[in-house]
Amino acid sequence: MPDFYERVYEIVALIPYGRVTTYGAIAKCLGAARSSRLVGIAMNHSHLTHPHLPAHRVVNRNGLLTGKHHFTSAPMAELLEAEGVVIVGDCVVDFDRLFWDPKEHL
């Protein structure tokens, strides 16, 4: 699993400022399309092993901030809003425009 996690972190590190991607998009980029939950587990572990990773830029397939409860020092919504991402009801507004697909860009 550590190799998979590291590959997830490499992709997350490349998500541009002010953009978001999904657990599923990362999984597909890694050739493991059915492993979005495993990507989520990797993201949960990232807070301890890779504290400077922009984990706040990873949301669910609908743009919902499902990982928000893992952000203790700075709320996920605040981190995204500081980058110009509008959040309403724990969901990214204009998700389709802000979505960054790693498979297209890597």
Protein backbone atom coordinates (compact mmCIF):
# COMPACT_ATOMS: atom_id res chain seq x y z
CA MET A 1 0.00 0.00 0.00
CA PRO A 2 2.77 2.54 0.70
CA ASP A 3 3.70 2.69 -2.99
CA PHE A 4 0.07 3.36 -3.94
CA TYR A 5 -0.16 6.09 -1.32
CA GLU A 6 3.02 7.74 -2.57
CA ARG A 7 1.68 7.73 -6.12
CA VAL A 8 -1.54 9.36 -4.84
CA TYR A 9 0.51 12.02 -3.03
CA GLU A 10 2.54 12.73 -6.17
CA ILE A 11 -0.66 13.52 -8.06
CA VAL A 12 -2.19 15.56 -5.24
CA ALA A 13 0.97 17.67 -5.05
CA LEU A 14 0.34 18.70 -8.67
CA ILE A 15 -3.25 19.92 -8.28
CA PRO A 16 -3.13 23.59 -9.27
CA TYR A 17 -3.95 26.37 -6.83
CA GLY A 18 -7.66 27.19 -6.94
CA ARG A 19 -8.62 23.90 -8.60
CA VAL A 20 -10.00 20.62 -7.25
CA THR A 21 -9.98 16.97 -8.25
CA THR A 22 -11.73 13.87 -7.00
CA TYR A 23 -10.76 10.64 -5.31
CA GLY A 24 -12.05 8.78 -8.36
CA ALA A 25 -10.11 10.89 -10.85
CA ILE A 26 -6.91 10.16 -8.95
CA ALA A 27 -7.72 6.45 -8.86
CA LYS A 28 -8.40 6.40 -12.62
CA CYS A 29 -5.17 8.23 -13.32
CA LEU A 30 -3.32 5.52 -11.39
CA GLY A 31 -5.02 2.77 -13.40
CA ALA A 32 -7.08 1.68 -10.41
CA ALA A 33 -10.50 3.11 -11.27
CA ARG A 34 -12.30 1.14 -8.57
CA SER A 35 -9.99 2.34 -5.80
CA SER A 36 -11.40 5.77 -4.97
CA ARG A 37 -11.98 4.71 -1.37
CA LEU A 38 -8.35 3.68 -1.09
CA VAL A 39 -7.38 7.13 -2.38
CA GLY A 40 -9.55 8.56 0.41
CA ILE A 41 -7.75 6.43 2.98
CA ALA A 42 -4.41 7.64 1.59
CA MET A 43 -5.62 11.22 1.90
CA ASN A 44 -6.64 10.60 5.51
CA HIS A 45 -3.12 9.34 6.28
CA SER A 46 -1.51 12.24 4.42
CA HIS A 47 -2.15 14.67 7.28
CA LEU A 48 0.44 12.84 9.37
CA THR A 49 2.96 11.84 6.71
CA HIS A 50 2.73 14.75 4.24
CA PRO A 51 1.39 17.77 6.18
CA HIS A 52 2.10 20.28 3.39
CA LEU A 53 0.22 18.32 0.74
CA PRO A 54 -2.79 20.27 -0.65
CA ALA A 55 -5.20 17.56 0.49
CA HIS A 56 -7.98 20.16 0.74
CA ARG A 57 -8.13 20.16 -3.08
CA VAL A 58 -9.49 16.59 -3.19
CA VAL A 59 -13.29 16.30 -3.01
CA ASN A 60 -15.89 13.69 -3.92
CA ARG A 61 -17.31 13.22 -7.42
CA ASN A 62 -20.03 15.81 -6.78
CA GLY A 63 -17.68 18.46 -5.41
CA LEU A 64 -18.69 17.76 -1.80
CA LEU A 65 -16.11 18.28 0.95
CA THR A 66 -16.43 14.76 2.30
CA GLY A 67 -12.97 14.80 3.91
CA LYS A 68 -13.61 18.01 5.84
CA HIS A 69 -13.66 16.34 9.26
CA HIS A 70 -9.97 15.40 8.84
CA PHE A 71 -8.88 19.04 8.78
CA THR A 72 -8.29 20.14 12.33
CA SER A 73 -5.86 23.07 12.12
CA ALA A 74 -7.58 24.88 9.23
CA PRO A 75 -11.03 23.93 7.91
CA MET A 76 -11.08 22.51 4.39
CA ALA A 77 -13.62 25.09 3.20
CA GLU A 78 -11.47 27.96 4.48
CA LEU A 79 -8.39 26.63 2.70
CA LEU A 80 -10.29 26.37 -0.58
CA GLU A 81 -11.94 29.76 -0.15
CA ALA A 82 -8.51 31.32 0.44
CA GLU A 83 -7.67 30.06 -3.07
CA GLY A 84 -10.78 31.67 -4.56
CA VAL A 85 -12.95 28.53 -4.59
CA VAL A 86 -16.52 29.33 -3.56
CA ILE A 87 -18.08 26.84 -1.15
CA VAL A 88 -21.80 26.71 -0.39
CA GLY A 89 -23.27 24.01 1.81
CA ASP A 90 -19.95 22.13 1.93
CA CYS A 91 -19.95 21.88 -1.87
CA VAL A 92 -17.69 23.47 -4.50
CA VAL A 93 -19.63 26.00 -6.56
CA ASP A 94 -18.88 25.77 -10.29
CA PHE A 95 -17.31 22.36 -9.75
CA ASP A 96 -17.21 21.48 -13.46
CA ARG A 97 -15.14 24.58 -14.26
CA LEU A 98 -12.74 24.07 -11.34
CA PHE A 99 -12.32 20.32 -11.80
CA TRP A 100 -8.74 19.32 -12.66
CA ASP A 101 -8.47 15.90 -14.27
CA PRO A 102 -5.02 14.43 -13.62
CA LYS A 103 -5.44 11.95 -16.46
CA GLU A 104 -5.72 14.85 -18.92
CA HIS A 105 -2.90 16.91 -17.46
CA LEU A 106 -0.28 14.29 -16.60
